[in-house]
Structures are given as C-alpha cells and as structure tokens.
Amino acid sequence: MDKLKAIEEGYLKTGIPHFNVGDTVKVLVKIPEGPDRIRLHPFEGVVIAKKGSGIRESFTVRKVSYGEGIERVFPLHSPNIEKIEVLRSGKVRRAKLYYLRGRIGKSATKIEGQQERT
C-alpha cells in the first residue's frame, strides 16, 4: 500500500487553498476550444460535499442558475482545474449539505459564515 501512496504523491497538486463544506468557492475550469486554445470557465457556488482522500479526493459544488440548481463534482487534484478561490467561509453543522437541494432562493445559496474571505 505504501508503494501506491508513493506513486500518487507525484500527481498531487500543491497550493490548493483549504476549504470546507459550506464555503462559497469559485473554481476555474479549463475548457478546450480547439487544438491549441484553452478557455477558463468559472463555476461559483457552495461546497455541499467533500469525499475521499489523497489523489481520489473530490468535492461537489452547487449553484442556482436561472432558478435551476446545478451541481458539479470536481476531482480536487484534476489537471483541468486551474485555480480554486475561496470567496466566503460558511459555518455549518453537517458534513453533507444535501438539504440545500430542496431550498429555493436566498436560503439555497446563503450560508451564514464566521468571516468573509477576500
């Protein structure tokens, strides 16, 4: 098992900010637009779940766009993720915020936080 961890360490990203469930993040995703051009697409929302460890760690971000809820699962160490910015820190009492799926409007996106991060 230690050999697997040694191999995986070479693929782990460094410089990833620390964030938890309930935080509002902006994930800049690389989108190929041709053979030699890449566009950065922002996906901003609330982190509703984190799972896994090591190279298999992933997190789920939820946003509401035009009244429709959109969730996206990102592998944390994916090469397609350019940057993760933590916009706001949230204070929650759950590990998974799946109850936000049933909420509408401001209650679906506003998580009361301890302090604002910029």
PDB file of N, CA and C in Angstrom:
ATOM      1  N   MET A   1       0.820  -1.193   0.000  1.00  0.00           N
ATOM      2  CA  MET A   1       0.000   0.000   0.000  1.00  0.00           C
ATOM      3  C   MET A   1       0.865   1.258   0.000  1.00  0.00           C
ATOM      4  N   ASP A   2       2.016   1.192   0.645  1.00  0.00           N
ATOM      5  CA  ASP A   2       2.891   2.360   0.670  1.00  0.00           C
ATOM      6  C   ASP A   2       3.444   2.681  -0.716  1.00  0.00           C
ATOM      7  N   LYS A   3       3.581   1.668  -1.567  1.00  0.00           N
ATOM      8  CA  LYS A   3       4.056   1.915  -2.923  1.00  0.00           C
ATOM      9  C   LYS A   3       3.022   2.719  -3.707  1.00  0.00           C
ATOM     10  N   LEU A   4       1.746   2.432  -3.494  1.00  0.00           N
ATOM     11  CA  LEU A   4       0.693   3.193  -4.167  1.00  0.00           C
ATOM     12  C   LEU A   4       0.706   4.652  -3.729  1.00  0.00           C
ATOM     13  N   LYS A   5       0.854   4.878  -2.442  1.00  0.00           N
ATOM     14  CA  LYS A   5       0.901   6.256  -1.937  1.00  0.00           C
ATOM     15  C   LYS A   5       2.113   7.000  -2.471  1.00  0.00           C
ATOM     16  N   ALA A   6       3.227   6.308  -2.623  1.00  0.00           N
ATOM     17  CA  ALA A   6       4.430   6.945  -3.148  1.00  0.00           C
ATOM     18  C   ALA A   6       4.230   7.354  -4.608  1.00  0.00           C
ATOM     19  N   ILE A   7       3.540   6.526  -5.375  1.00  0.00           N
ATOM     20  CA  ILE A   7       3.273   6.859  -6.776  1.00  0.00           C
ATOM     21  C   ILE A   7       2.288   8.016  -6.857  1.00  0.00           C
ATOM     22  N   GLU A   8       1.245   7.991  -6.017  1.00  0.00           N
ATOM     23  CA  GLU A   8       0.210   9.031  -6.043  1.00  0.00           C
ATOM     24  C   GLU A   8       0.748  10.400  -5.645  1.00  0.00           C
ATOM     25  N   GLU A   9       1.757  10.448  -4.795  1.00  0.00           N
ATOM     26  CA  GLU A   9       2.289  11.729  -4.328  1.00  0.00           C
ATOM     27  C   GLU A   9       2.841  12.571  -5.475  1.00  0.00           C
ATOM     28  N   GLY A  10       3.276  11.947  -6.524  1.00  0.00           N
ATOM     29  CA  GLY A  10       3.786  12.686  -7.666  1.00  0.00           C
ATOM     30  C   GLY A  10       2.709  13.435  -8.433  1.00  0.00           C
ATOM     31  N   TYR A  11       1.456  13.017  -8.282  1.00  0.00           N
ATOM     32  CA  TYR A  11       0.358  13.629  -9.006  1.00  0.00           C
ATOM     33  C   TYR A  11      -0.459  14.598  -8.164  1.00  0.00           C
ATOM     34  N   LEU A  12      -0.160  14.695  -6.877  1.00  0.00           N
ATOM     35  CA  LEU A  12      -0.910  15.604  -6.011  1.00  0.00           C
ATOM     36  C   LEU A  12      -0.567  17.049  -6.326  1.00  0.00           C
ATOM     37  N   LYS A  13      -1.594  17.907  -6.358  1.00  0.00           N
ATOM     38  CA  LYS A  13      -1.382  19.338  -6.590  1.00  0.00           C
ATOM     39  C   LYS A  13      -0.947  20.005  -5.302  1.00  0.00           C
ATOM     40  N   THR A  14      -0.158  21.051  -5.439  1.00  0.00           N
ATOM     41  CA  THR A  14       0.205  21.862  -4.287  1.00  0.00           C
ATOM     42  C   THR A  14      -0.399  23.250  -4.466  1.00  0.00           C
ATOM     43  N   GLY A  15      -0.559  23.955  -3.387  1.00  0.00           N
ATOM     44  CA  GLY A  15      -1.097  25.307  -3.467  1.00  0.00           C
ATOM     45  C   GLY A  15      -2.610  25.352  -3.517  1.00  0.00           C
ATOM     46  N   ILE A  16      -3.273  24.282  -3.133  1.00  0.00           N
ATOM     47  CA  ILE A  16      -4.728  24.278  -3.089  1.00  0.00           C
ATOM     48  C   ILE A  16      -5.160  24.913  -1.768  1.00  0.00           C
ATOM     49  N   PRO A  17      -6.052  25.912  -1.800  1.00  0.00           N
ATOM     50  CA  PRO A  17      -6.476  26.535  -0.551  1.00  0.00           C
ATOM     51  C   PRO A  17      -7.331  25.581   0.270  1.00  0.00           C
ATOM     52  N   HIS A  18      -7.299  25.766   1.585  1.00  0.00           N
ATOM     53  CA  HIS A  18      -8.103  24.942   2.482  1.00  0.00           C
ATOM     54  C   HIS A  18      -9.536  25.464   2.472  1.00  0.00           C
ATOM     55  N   PHE A  19     -10.488  24.606   2.201  1.00  0.00           N
ATOM     56  CA  PHE A  19     -11.901  24.972   2.247  1.00  0.00           C
ATOM     57  C   PHE A  19     -12.684  23.790   2.785  1.00  0.00           C
ATOM     58  N   ASN A  20     -13.845  24.092   3.336  1.00  0.00           N
ATOM     59  CA  ASN A  20     -14.698  23.078   3.928  1.00  0.00           C
ATOM     60  C   ASN A  20     -16.082  23.119   3.298  1.00  0.00           C
ATOM     61  N   VAL A  21     -16.919  22.208   3.741  1.00  0.00           N
ATOM     62  CA  VAL A  21     -18.311  22.195   3.312  1.00  0.00           C
ATOM     63  C   VAL A  21     -18.988  23.449   3.849  1.00  0.00           C
ATOM     64  N   GLY A  22     -19.778  24.102   3.019  1.00  0.00           N
ATOM     65  CA  GLY A  22     -20.456  25.333   3.394  1.00  0.00           C
ATOM     66  C   GLY A  22     -19.772  26.576   2.874  1.00  0.00           C
ATOM     67  N   ASP A  23     -18.541  26.459   2.425  1.00  0.00           N
ATOM     68  CA  ASP A  23     -17.818  27.606   1.879  1.00  0.00           C
ATOM     69  C   ASP A  23     -18.287  27.882   0.445  1.00  0.00           C
ATOM     70  N   THR A  24     -18.266  29.145   0.075  1.00  0.00           N
ATOM     71  CA  THR A  24     -18.561  29.534  -1.296  1.00  0.00           C
ATOM     72  C   THR A  24     -17.233  29.649  -2.029  1.00  0.00           C
ATOM     73  N   VAL A  25     -17.105  28.902  -3.124  1.00  0.00           N
ATOM     74  CA  VAL A  25     -15.850  28.862  -3.868  1.00  0.00           C
ATOM     75  C   VAL A  25     -16.098  29.192  -5.338  1.00  0.00           C
ATOM     76  N   LYS A  26     -15.035  29.622  -5.989  1.00  0.00           N
ATOM     77  CA  LYS A  26     -15.040  29.819  -7.437  1.00  0.00           C
ATOM     78  C   LYS A  26     -13.961  28.900  -7.999  1.00  0.00           C
ATOM     79  N   VAL A  27     -14.381  27.977  -8.858  1.00  0.00           N
ATOM     80  CA  VAL A  27     -13.477  27.014  -9.467  1.00  0.00           C
ATOM     81  C   VAL A  27     -13.272  27.422 -10.923  1.00  0.00           C
ATOM     82  N   LEU A  28     -12.031  27.656 -11.305  1.00  0.00           N
ATOM     83  CA  LEU A  28     -11.710  27.990 -12.695  1.00  0.00           C
ATOM     84  C   LEU A  28     -11.332  26.696 -13.424  1.00  0.00           C
ATOM     85  N   VAL A  29     -12.174  26.321 -14.385  1.00  0.00           N
ATOM     86  CA  VAL A  29     -12.022  25.055 -15.094  1.00  0.00           C
ATOM     87  C   VAL A  29     -11.494  25.323 -16.499  1.00  0.00           C
ATOM     88  N   LYS A  30     -10.539  24.518 -16.941  1.00  0.00           N
ATOM     89  CA  LYS A  30     -10.008  24.638 -18.296  1.00  0.00           C
ATOM     90  C   LYS A  30     -10.966  23.968 -19.276  1.00  0.00           C
ATOM     91  N   ILE A  31     -11.343  24.706 -20.338  1.00  0.00           N
ATOM     92  CA  ILE A  31     -12.216  24.172 -21.374  1.00  0.00           C
ATOM     93  C   ILE A  31     -11.476  24.307 -22.707  1.00  0.00           C
ATOM     94  N   PRO A  32     -11.195  23.198 -23.399  1.00  0.00           N
ATOM     95  CA  PRO A  32     -10.511  23.311 -24.695  1.00  0.00           C
ATOM     96  C   PRO A  32     -11.452  23.869 -25.754  1.00  0.00           C
ATOM     97  N   GLU A  33     -10.968  24.848 -26.517  1.00  0.00           N
ATOM     98  CA  GLU A  33     -11.763  25.456 -27.584  1.00  0.00           C
ATOM     99  C   GLU A  33     -11.106  25.264 -28.947  1.00  0.00           C
ATOM    100  N   GLY A  34     -10.374  24.245 -29.072  1.00  0.00           N
ATOM    101  CA  GLY A  34      -9.689  23.978 -30.331  1.00  0.00           C
ATOM    102  C   GLY A  34      -8.418  23.215 -30.044  1.00  0.00           C
ATOM    103  N   PRO A  35      -7.628  22.988 -31.072  1.00  0.00           N
ATOM    104  CA  PRO A  35      -6.415  22.199 -30.863  1.00  0.00           C
ATOM    105  C   PRO A  35      -5.350  22.903 -30.024  1.00  0.00           C
ATOM    106  N   ASP A  36      -5.344  24.242 -30.014  1.00  0.00           N
ATOM    107  CA  ASP A  36      -4.275  24.938 -29.305  1.00  0.00           C
ATOM    108  C   ASP A  36      -4.781  26.060 -28.410  1.00  0.00           C
ATOM    109  N   ARG A  37      -6.073  26.083 -28.118  1.00  0.00           N
ATOM    110  CA  ARG A  37      -6.627  27.178 -27.316  1.00  0.00           C
ATOM    111  C   ARG A  37      -7.420  26.630 -26.145  1.00  0.00           C
ATOM    112  N   ILE A  38      -7.204  27.231 -24.973  1.00  0.00           N
ATOM    113  CA  ILE A  38      -7.906  26.812 -23.756  1.00  0.00           C
ATOM    114  C   ILE A  38      -8.551  28.041 -23.136  1.00  0.00           C
ATOM    115  N   ARG A  39      -9.821  27.881 -22.724  1.00  0.00           N
ATOM    116  CA  ARG A  39     -10.553  28.961 -22.069  1.00  0.00           C
ATOM    117  C   ARG A  39     -10.783  28.576 -20.620  1.00  0.00           C
ATOM    118  N   LEU A  40     -10.726  29.562 -19.713  1.00  0.00           N
ATOM    119  CA  LEU A  40     -11.009  29.317 -18.306  1.00  0.00           C
ATOM    120  C   LEU A  40     -12.456  29.681 -18.030  1.00  0.00           C
ATOM    121  N   HIS A  41     -13.220  28.722 -17.526  1.00  0.00           N
ATOM    122  CA  HIS A  41     -14.637  28.927 -17.244  1.00  0.00           C
ATOM    123  C   HIS A  41     -14.849  28.886 -15.731  1.00  0.00           C
ATOM    124  N   PRO A  42     -15.387  29.949 -15.124  1.00  0.00           N
ATOM    125  CA  PRO A  42     -15.607  29.936 -13.674  1.00  0.00           C
ATOM    126  C   PRO A  42     -16.906  29.216 -13.313  1.00  0.00           C
ATOM    127  N   PHE A  43     -16.862  28.461 -12.235  1.00  0.00           N
ATOM    128  CA  PHE A  43     -18.051  27.816 -11.675  1.00  0.00           C
ATOM    129  C   PHE A  43     -18.081  28.198 -10.210  1.00  0.00           C
ATOM    130  N   GLU A  44     -19.018  29.048  -9.836  1.00  0.00           N
ATOM    131  CA  GLU A  44     -19.070  29.592  -8.478  1.00  0.00           C
ATOM    132  C   GLU A  44     -20.299  29.061  -7.765  1.00  0.00           C
ATOM    133  N   GLY A  45     -20.101  28.535  -6.553  1.00  0.00           N
ATOM    134  CA  GLY A  45     -21.220  28.009  -5.793  1.00  0.00           C
ATOM    135  C   GLY A  45     -20.790  27.574  -4.408  1.00  0.00           C
ATOM    136  N   VAL A  46     -21.703  26.897  -3.713  1.00  0.00           N
ATOM    137  CA  VAL A  46     -21.484  26.444  -2.341  1.00  0.00           C
ATOM    138  C   VAL A  46     -21.003  25.000  -2.376  1.00  0.00           C
ATOM    139  N   VAL A  47     -19.979  24.693  -1.597  1.00  0.00           N
ATOM    140  CA  VAL A  47     -19.486  23.321  -1.484  1.00  0.00           C
ATOM    141  C   VAL A  47     -20.469  22.561  -0.605  1.00  0.00           C
ATOM    142  N   ILE A  48     -21.109  21.530  -1.177  1.00  0.00           N
ATOM    143  CA  ILE A  48     -22.097  20.786  -0.396  1.00  0.00           C
ATOM    144  C   ILE A  48     -21.568  19.434   0.073  1.00  0.00           C
ATOM    145  N   ALA A  49     -20.444  18.973  -0.460  1.00  0.00           N
ATOM    146  CA  ALA A  49     -19.897  17.688  -0.027  1.00  0.00           C
ATOM    147  C   ALA A  49     -18.423  17.595  -0.388  1.00  0.00           C
ATOM    148  N   LYS A  50     -17.687  16.877   0.459  1.00  0.00           N
ATOM    149  CA  LYS A  50     -16.299  16.506   0.183  1.00  0.00           C
ATOM    150  C   LYS A  50     -16.181  15.026   0.502  1.00  0.00           C
ATOM    151  N   LYS A  51     -15.433  14.301  -0.311  1.00  0.00           N
ATOM    152  CA  LYS A  51     -15.245  12.883  -0.017  1.00  0.00           C
ATOM    153  C   LYS A  51     -13.903  12.417  -0.543  1.00  0.00           C
ATOM    154  N   GLY A  52     -13.444  11.323   0.003  1.00  0.00           N
ATOM    155  CA  GLY A  52     -12.205  10.712  -0.442  1.00  0.00           C
ATOM    156  C   GLY A  52     -10.990  11.295   0.248  1.00  0.00           C
ATOM    157  N   SER A  53      -9.839  10.764  -0.127  1.00  0.00           N
ATOM    158  CA  SER A  53      -8.573  11.249   0.406  1.00  0.00           C
ATOM    159  C   SER A  53      -7.490  10.988  -0.620  1.00  0.00           C
ATOM    160  N   GLY A  54      -6.414  11.724  -0.491  1.00  0.00           N
ATOM    161  CA  GLY A  54      -5.299  11.555  -1.407  1.00  0.00           C
ATOM    162  C   GLY A  54      -5.648  11.994  -2.814  1.00  0.00           C
ATOM    163  N   ILE A  55      -5.252  11.218  -3.785  1.00  0.00           N
ATOM    164  CA  ILE A  55      -5.485  11.563  -5.181  1.00  0.00           C
ATOM    165  C   ILE A  55      -6.955  11.411  -5.551  1.00  0.00           C
ATOM    166  N   ARG A  56      -7.717  10.632  -4.780  1.00  0.00           N
ATOM    167  CA  ARG A  56      -9.127  10.377  -5.077  1.00  0.00           C
ATOM    168  C   ARG A  56     -10.070  11.390  -4.441  1.00  0.00           C
ATOM    169  N   GLU A  57      -9.555  12.417  -3.816  1.00  0.00           N
ATOM    170  CA  GLU A  57     -10.407  13.383  -3.121  1.00  0.00           C
ATOM    171  C   GLU A  57     -11.206  14.209  -4.128  1.00  0.00           C
ATOM    172  N   SER A  58     -12.502  14.392  -3.837  1.00  0.00           N
ATOM    173  CA  SER A  58     -13.363  15.179  -4.713  1.00  0.00           C
ATOM    174  C   SER A  58     -14.313  16.016  -3.878  1.00  0.00           C
ATOM    175  N   PHE A  59     -14.887  17.032  -4.514  1.00  0.00           N
ATOM    176  CA  PHE A  59     -15.842  17.893  -3.836  1.00  0.00           C
ATOM    177  C   PHE A  59     -16.952  18.262  -4.798  1.00  0.00           C
ATOM    178  N   THR A  60     -18.140  18.523  -4.246  1.00  0.00           N
ATOM    179  CA  THR A  60     -19.319  18.853  -5.039  1.00  0.00           C
ATOM    180  C   THR A  60     -19.689  20.301  -4.795  1.00  0.00           C
ATOM    181  N   VAL A  61     -19.879  21.058  -5.874  1.00  0.00           N
ATOM    182  CA  VAL A  61     -20.250  22.469  -5.795  1.00  0.00           C
ATOM    183  C   VAL A  61     -21.646  22.624  -6.387  1.00  0.00           C
ATOM    184  N   ARG A  62     -22.493  23.367  -5.694  1.00  0.00           N
ATOM    185  CA  ARG A  62     -23.867  23.602  -6.150  1.00  0.00           C
ATOM    186  C   ARG A  62     -24.101  25.083  -6.342  1.00  0.00           C
ATOM    187  N   LYS A  63     -24.720  25.432  -7.472  1.00  0.00           N
ATOM    188  CA  LYS A  63     -25.125  26.810  -7.695  1.00  0.00           C
ATOM    189  C   LYS A  63     -26.529  26.806  -8.275  1.00  0.00           C
ATOM    190  N   VAL A  64     -27.212  27.939  -8.145  1.00  0.00           N
ATOM    191  CA  VAL A  64     -28.540  28.086  -8.713  1.00  0.00           C
ATOM    192  C   VAL A  64     -28.426  29.083  -9.852  1.00  0.00           C
ATOM    193  N   SER A  65     -28.758  28.646 -11.059  1.00  0.00           N
ATOM    194  CA  SER A  65     -28.658  29.475 -12.242  1.00  0.00           C
ATOM    195  C   SER A  65     -30.018  29.538 -12.926  1.00  0.00           C
ATOM    196  N   TYR A  66     -30.582  30.746 -13.026  1.00  0.00           N
ATOM    197  CA  TYR A  66     -31.897  30.956 -13.631  1.00  0.00           C
ATOM    198  C   TYR A  66     -32.963  30.070 -12.993  1.00  0.00           C
ATOM    199  N   GLY A  67     -32.895  29.935 -11.675  1.00  0.00           N
ATOM    200  CA  GLY A  67     -33.898  29.167 -10.948  1.00  0.00           C
ATOM    201  C   GLY A  67     -33.704  27.670 -10.981  1.00  0.00           C
ATOM    202  N   GLU A  68     -32.674  27.198 -11.631  1.00  0.00           N
ATOM    203  CA  GLU A  68     -32.401  25.767 -11.746  1.00  0.00           C
ATOM    204  C   GLU A  68     -31.122  25.441 -10.984  1.00  0.00           C
ATOM    205  N   GLY A  69     -31.167  24.449 -10.118  1.00  0.00           N
ATOM    206  CA  GLY A  69     -29.990  24.046  -9.361  1.00  0.00           C
ATOM    207  C   GLY A  69     -29.042  23.223 -10.215  1.00  0.00           C
ATOM    208  N   ILE A  70     -27.758  23.557 -10.151  1.00  0.00           N
ATOM    209  CA  ILE A  70     -26.740  22.836 -10.913  1.00  0.00           C
ATOM    210  C   ILE A  70     -25.672  22.369  -9.933  1.00  0.00           C
ATOM    211  N   GLU A  71     -25.352  21.087  -9.980  1.00  0.00           N
ATOM    212  CA  GLU A  71     -24.294  20.530  -9.144  1.00  0.00           C
ATOM    213  C   GLU A  71     -23.216  19.951 -10.039  1.00  0.00           C
ATOM    214  N   ARG A  72     -21.988  20.132  -9.610  1.00  0.00           N
ATOM    215  CA  ARG A  72     -20.866  19.599 -10.372  1.00  0.00           C
ATOM    216  C   ARG A  72     -19.858  19.005  -9.408  1.00  0.00           C
ATOM    217  N   VAL A  73     -19.376  17.822  -9.722  1.00  0.00           N
ATOM    218  CA  VAL A  73     -18.387  17.129  -8.897  1.00  0.00           C
ATOM    219  C   VAL A  73     -17.023  17.333  -9.535  1.00  0.00           C
ATOM    220  N   PHE A  74     -16.081  17.834  -8.735  1.00  0.00           N
ATOM    221  CA  PHE A  74     -14.731  18.091  -9.217  1.00  0.00           C
ATOM    222  C   PHE A  74     -13.741  17.194  -8.481  1.00  0.00           C
ATOM    223  N   PRO A  75     -12.874  16.467  -9.189  1.00  0.00           N
ATOM    224  CA  PRO A  75     -11.733  15.837  -8.522  1.00  0.00           C
ATOM    225  C   PRO A  75     -10.768  16.949  -8.086  1.00  0.00           C
ATOM    226  N   LEU A  76     -10.365  16.926  -6.838  1.00  0.00           N
ATOM    227  CA  LEU A  76      -9.565  18.023  -6.286  1.00  0.00           C
ATOM    228  C   LEU A  76      -8.227  18.180  -6.989  1.00  0.00           C
ATOM    229  N   HIS A  77      -7.598  17.093  -7.375  1.00  0.00           N
ATOM    230  CA  HIS A  77      -6.264  17.142  -7.977  1.00  0.00           C
ATOM    231  C   HIS A  77      -6.308  16.995  -9.497  1.00  0.00           C
ATOM    232  N   SER A  78      -7.425  17.343 -10.111  1.00  0.00           N
ATOM    233  CA  SER A  78      -7.579  17.223 -11.562  1.00  0.00           C
ATOM    234  C   SER A  78      -6.699  18.239 -12.288  1.00  0.00           C
ATOM    235  N   PRO A  79      -6.091  17.856 -13.390  1.00  0.00           N
ATOM    236  CA  PRO A  79      -5.324  18.832 -14.174  1.00  0.00           C
ATOM    237  C   PRO A  79      -6.215  19.838 -14.897  1.00  0.00           C
ATOM    238  N   ASN A  80      -7.522  19.575 -14.977  1.00  0.00           N
ATOM    239  CA  ASN A  80      -8.442  20.503 -15.630  1.00  0.00           C
ATOM    240  C   ASN A  80      -8.855  21.662 -14.726  1.00  0.00           C
ATOM    241  N   ILE A  81      -8.512  21.600 -13.467  1.00  0.00           N
ATOM    242  CA  ILE A  81      -8.807  22.707 -12.555  1.00  0.00           C
ATOM    243  C   ILE A  81      -7.586  23.619 -12.508  1.00  0.00           C
ATOM    244  N   GLU A  82      -7.778  24.846 -12.935  1.00  0.00           N
ATOM    245  CA  GLU A  82      -6.685  25.818 -12.942  1.00  0.00           C
ATOM    246  C   GLU A  82      -6.477  26.411 -11.557  1.00  0.00           C
ATOM    247  N   LYS A  83      -7.581  26.794 -10.902  1.00  0.00           N
ATOM    248  CA  LYS A  83      -7.460  27.517  -9.646  1.00  0.00           C
ATOM    249  C   LYS A  83      -8.760  27.391  -8.868  1.00  0.00           C
ATOM    250  N   ILE A  84      -8.649  27.382  -7.538  1.00  0.00           N
ATOM    251  CA  ILE A  84      -9.807  27.395  -6.651  1.00  0.00           C
ATOM    252  C   ILE A  84      -9.677  28.605  -5.754  1.00  0.00           C
ATOM    253  N   GLU A  85     -10.699  29.451  -5.744  1.00  0.00           N
ATOM    254  CA  GLU A  85     -10.712  30.638  -4.888  1.00  0.00           C
ATOM    255  C   GLU A  85     -11.816  30.483  -3.853  1.00  0.00           C
ATOM    256  N   VAL A  86     -11.486  30.709  -2.593  1.00  0.00           N
ATOM    257  CA  VAL A  86     -12.493  30.686  -1.532  1.00  0.00           C
ATOM    258  C   VAL A  86     -13.011  32.101  -1.369  1.00  0.00           C
ATOM    259  N   LEU A  87     -14.296  32.299  -1.666  1.00  0.00           N
ATOM    260  CA  LEU A  87     -14.890  33.630  -1.610  1.00  0.00           C
ATOM    261  C   LEU A  87     -15.475  33.940  -0.238  1.00  0.00           C
ATOM    262  N   ARG A  88     -16.145  32.950   0.360  1.00  0.00           N
ATOM    263  CA  ARG A  88     -16.797  33.180   1.644  1.00  0.00           C
ATOM    264  C   ARG A  88     -16.751  31.893   2.451  1.00  0.00           C
ATOM    265  N   SER A  89     -16.516  32.021   3.732  1.00  0.00           N
ATOM    266  CA  SER A  89     -16.474  30.872   4.618  1.00  0.00           C
ATOM    267  C   SER A  89     -17.834  30.705   5.274  1.00  0.00           C
ATOM    268  N   GLY A  90     -18.312  29.478   5.343  1.00  0.00           N
ATOM    269  CA  GLY A  90     -19.618  29.219   5.934  1.00  0.00           C
ATOM    270  C   GLY A  90     -19.508  28.360   7.178  1.00  0.00           C
ATOM    271  N   LYS A  91     -20.426  28.590   8.111  1.00  0.00           N
ATOM    272  CA  LYS A  91     -20.451  27.807   9.341  1.00  0.00           C
ATOM    273  C   LYS A  91     -21.645  26.865   9.266  1.00  0.00           C
ATOM    274  N   VAL A  92     -21.362  25.572   9.185  1.00  0.00           N
ATOM    275  CA  VAL A  92     -22.419  24.579   9.066  1.00  0.00           C
ATOM    276  C   VAL A  92     -22.225  23.507  10.127  1.00  0.00           C
ATOM    277  N   ARG A  93     -23.281  22.727  10.342  1.00  0.00           N
ATOM    278  CA  ARG A  93     -23.236  21.667  11.340  1.00  0.00           C
ATOM    279  C   ARG A  93     -23.398  20.292  10.723  1.00  0.00           C
ATOM    280  N   ARG A  94     -23.226  20.201   9.448  1.00  0.00           N
ATOM    281  CA  ARG A  94     -23.375  18.940   8.736  1.00  0.00           C
ATOM    282  C   ARG A  94     -22.145  18.707   7.852  1.00  0.00           C
ATOM    283  N   ALA A  95     -21.895  17.445   7.548  1.00  0.00           N
ATOM    284  CA  ALA A  95     -20.797  17.106   6.649  1.00  0.00           C
ATOM    285  C   ALA A  95     -21.245  17.153   5.192  1.00  0.00           C
ATOM    286  N   LYS A  96     -22.517  16.898   4.957  1.00  0.00           N
ATOM    287  CA  LYS A  96     -23.092  16.937   3.614  1.00  0.00           C
ATOM    288  C   LYS A  96     -24.312  17.848   3.656  1.00  0.00           C
ATOM    289  N   LEU A  97     -24.384  18.785   2.728  1.00  0.00           N
ATOM    290  CA  LEU A  97     -25.466  19.764   2.712  1.00  0.00           C
ATOM    291  C   LEU A  97     -26.493  19.439   1.628  1.00  0.00           C
ATOM    292  N   TYR A  98     -26.913  18.200   1.582  1.00  0.00           N
ATOM    293  CA  TYR A  98     -27.863  17.787   0.554  1.00  0.00           C
ATOM    294  C   TYR A  98     -29.238  18.418   0.769  1.00  0.00           C
ATOM    295  N   TYR A  99     -29.519  18.916   1.960  1.00  0.00           N
ATOM    296  CA  TYR A  99     -30.809  19.554   2.220  1.00  0.00           C
ATOM    297  C   TYR A  99     -30.970  20.854   1.426  1.00  0.00           C
ATOM    298  N   LEU A 100     -29.886  21.416   0.899  1.00  0.00           N
ATOM    299  CA  LEU A 100     -29.988  22.632   0.084  1.00  0.00           C
ATOM    300  C   LEU A 100     -30.695  22.366  -1.242  1.00  0.00           C
ATOM    301  N   ARG A 101     -30.786  21.101  -1.646  1.00  0.00           N
ATOM    302  CA  ARG A 101     -31.455  20.774  -2.904  1.00  0.00           C
ATOM    303  C   ARG A 101     -32.940  21.114  -2.849  1.00  0.00           C
ATOM    304  N   GLY A 102     -33.515  21.068  -1.670  1.00  0.00           N
ATOM    305  CA  GLY A 102     -34.935  21.364  -1.527  1.00  0.00           C
ATOM    306  C   GLY A 102     -35.234  22.824  -1.250  1.00  0.00           C
ATOM    307  N   ARG A 103     -34.239  23.659  -1.178  1.00  0.00           N
ATOM    308  CA  ARG A 103     -34.435  25.077  -0.866  1.00  0.00           C
ATOM    309  C   ARG A 103     -34.494  25.908  -2.134  1.00  0.00           C
ATOM    310  N   ILE A 104     -35.174  27.050  -2.006  1.00  0.00           N
ATOM    311  CA  ILE A 104     -35.344  27.952  -3.145  1.00  0.00           C
ATOM    312  C   ILE A 104     -34.876  29.341  -2.736  1.00  0.00           C
ATOM    313  N   GLY A 105     -34.313  30.078  -3.665  1.00  0.00           N
ATOM    314  CA  GLY A 105     -33.963  31.476  -3.438  1.00  0.00           C
ATOM    315  C   GLY A 105     -32.735  31.659  -2.572  1.00  0.00           C
ATOM    316  N   LYS A 106     -32.804  32.685  -1.713  1.00  0.00           N
ATOM    317  CA  LYS A 106     -31.645  33.050  -0.918  1.00  0.00           C
ATOM    318  C   LYS A 106     -31.285  31.968   0.097  1.00  0.00           C
ATOM    319  N   SER A 107     -32.259  31.229   0.592  1.00  0.00           N
ATOM    320  CA  SER A 107     -31.972  30.186   1.577  1.00  0.00           C
ATOM    321  C   SER A 107     -31.196  29.021   0.969  1.00  0.00           C
ATOM    322  N   ALA A 108     -31.191  28.923  -0.363  1.00  0.00           N
ATOM    323  CA  ALA A 108     -30.446  27.852  -1.034  1.00  0.00           C
ATOM    324  C   ALA A 108     -28.995  28.228  -1.263  1.00  0.00           C
ATOM    325  N   THR A 109     -28.682  29.516  -1.228  1.00  0.00           N
ATOM    326  CA  THR A 109     -27.323  29.934  -1.557  1.00  0.00           C
ATOM    327  C   THR A 109     -26.629  30.640  -0.414  1.00  0.00           C
ATOM    328  N   LYS A 110     -27.356  31.153   0.548  1.00  0.00           N
ATOM    329  CA  LYS A 110     -26.765  31.948   1.625  1.00  0.00           C
ATOM    330  C   LYS A 110     -26.494  31.051   2.821  1.00  0.00           C
ATOM    331  N   ILE A 111     -25.241  30.811   3.103  1.00  0.00           N
ATOM    332  CA  ILE A 111     -24.810  30.066   4.281  1.00  0.00           C
ATOM    333  C   ILE A 111     -24.175  31.083   5.209  1.00  0.00           C
ATOM    334  N   GLU A 112     -24.704  31.200   6.425  1.00  0.00           N
ATOM    335  CA  GLU A 112     -24.160  32.174   7.371  1.00  0.00           C
ATOM    336  C   GLU A 112     -22.744  31.767   7.736  1.00  0.00           C
ATOM    337  N   GLY A 113     -21.820  32.705   7.628  1.00  0.00           N
ATOM    338  CA  GLY A 113     -20.421  32.398   7.833  1.00  0.00           C
ATOM    339  C   GLY A 113     -19.834  33.088   9.045  1.00  0.00           C
ATOM    340  N   GLN A 114     -18.632  32.665   9.401  1.00  0.00           N
ATOM    341  CA  GLN A 114     -17.928  33.265  10.516  1.00  0.00           C
ATOM    342  C   GLN A 114     -17.310  34.576  10.100  1.00  0.00           C
ATOM    343  N   GLN A 115     -16.655  34.585   8.958  1.00  0.00           N
ATOM    344  CA  GLN A 115     -15.983  35.779   8.476  1.00  0.00           C
ATOM    345  C   GLN A 115     -15.876  35.737   6.957  1.00  0.00           C
ATOM    346  N   GLU A 116     -15.822  36.877   6.364  1.00  0.00           N
ATOM    347  CA  GLU A 116     -15.696  36.977   4.903  1.00  0.00           C
ATOM    348  C   GLU A 116     -14.232  36.830   4.518  1.00  0.00           C
ATOM    349  N   ARG A 117     -13.960  36.059   3.470  1.00  0.00           N
ATOM    350  CA  ARG A 117     -12.603  35.938   2.937  1.00  0.00           C
ATOM    351  C   ARG A 117     -12.549  36.646   1.601  1.00  0.00           C
ATOM    352  N   THR A 118     -11.481  37.357   1.350  1.00  0.00           N
ATOM    353  CA  THR A 118     -11.351  38.027   0.051  1.00  0.00           C
ATOM    354  C   THR A 118     -10.054  37.651  -0.613  1.00  0.00           C
TER     355      THR A 118
END
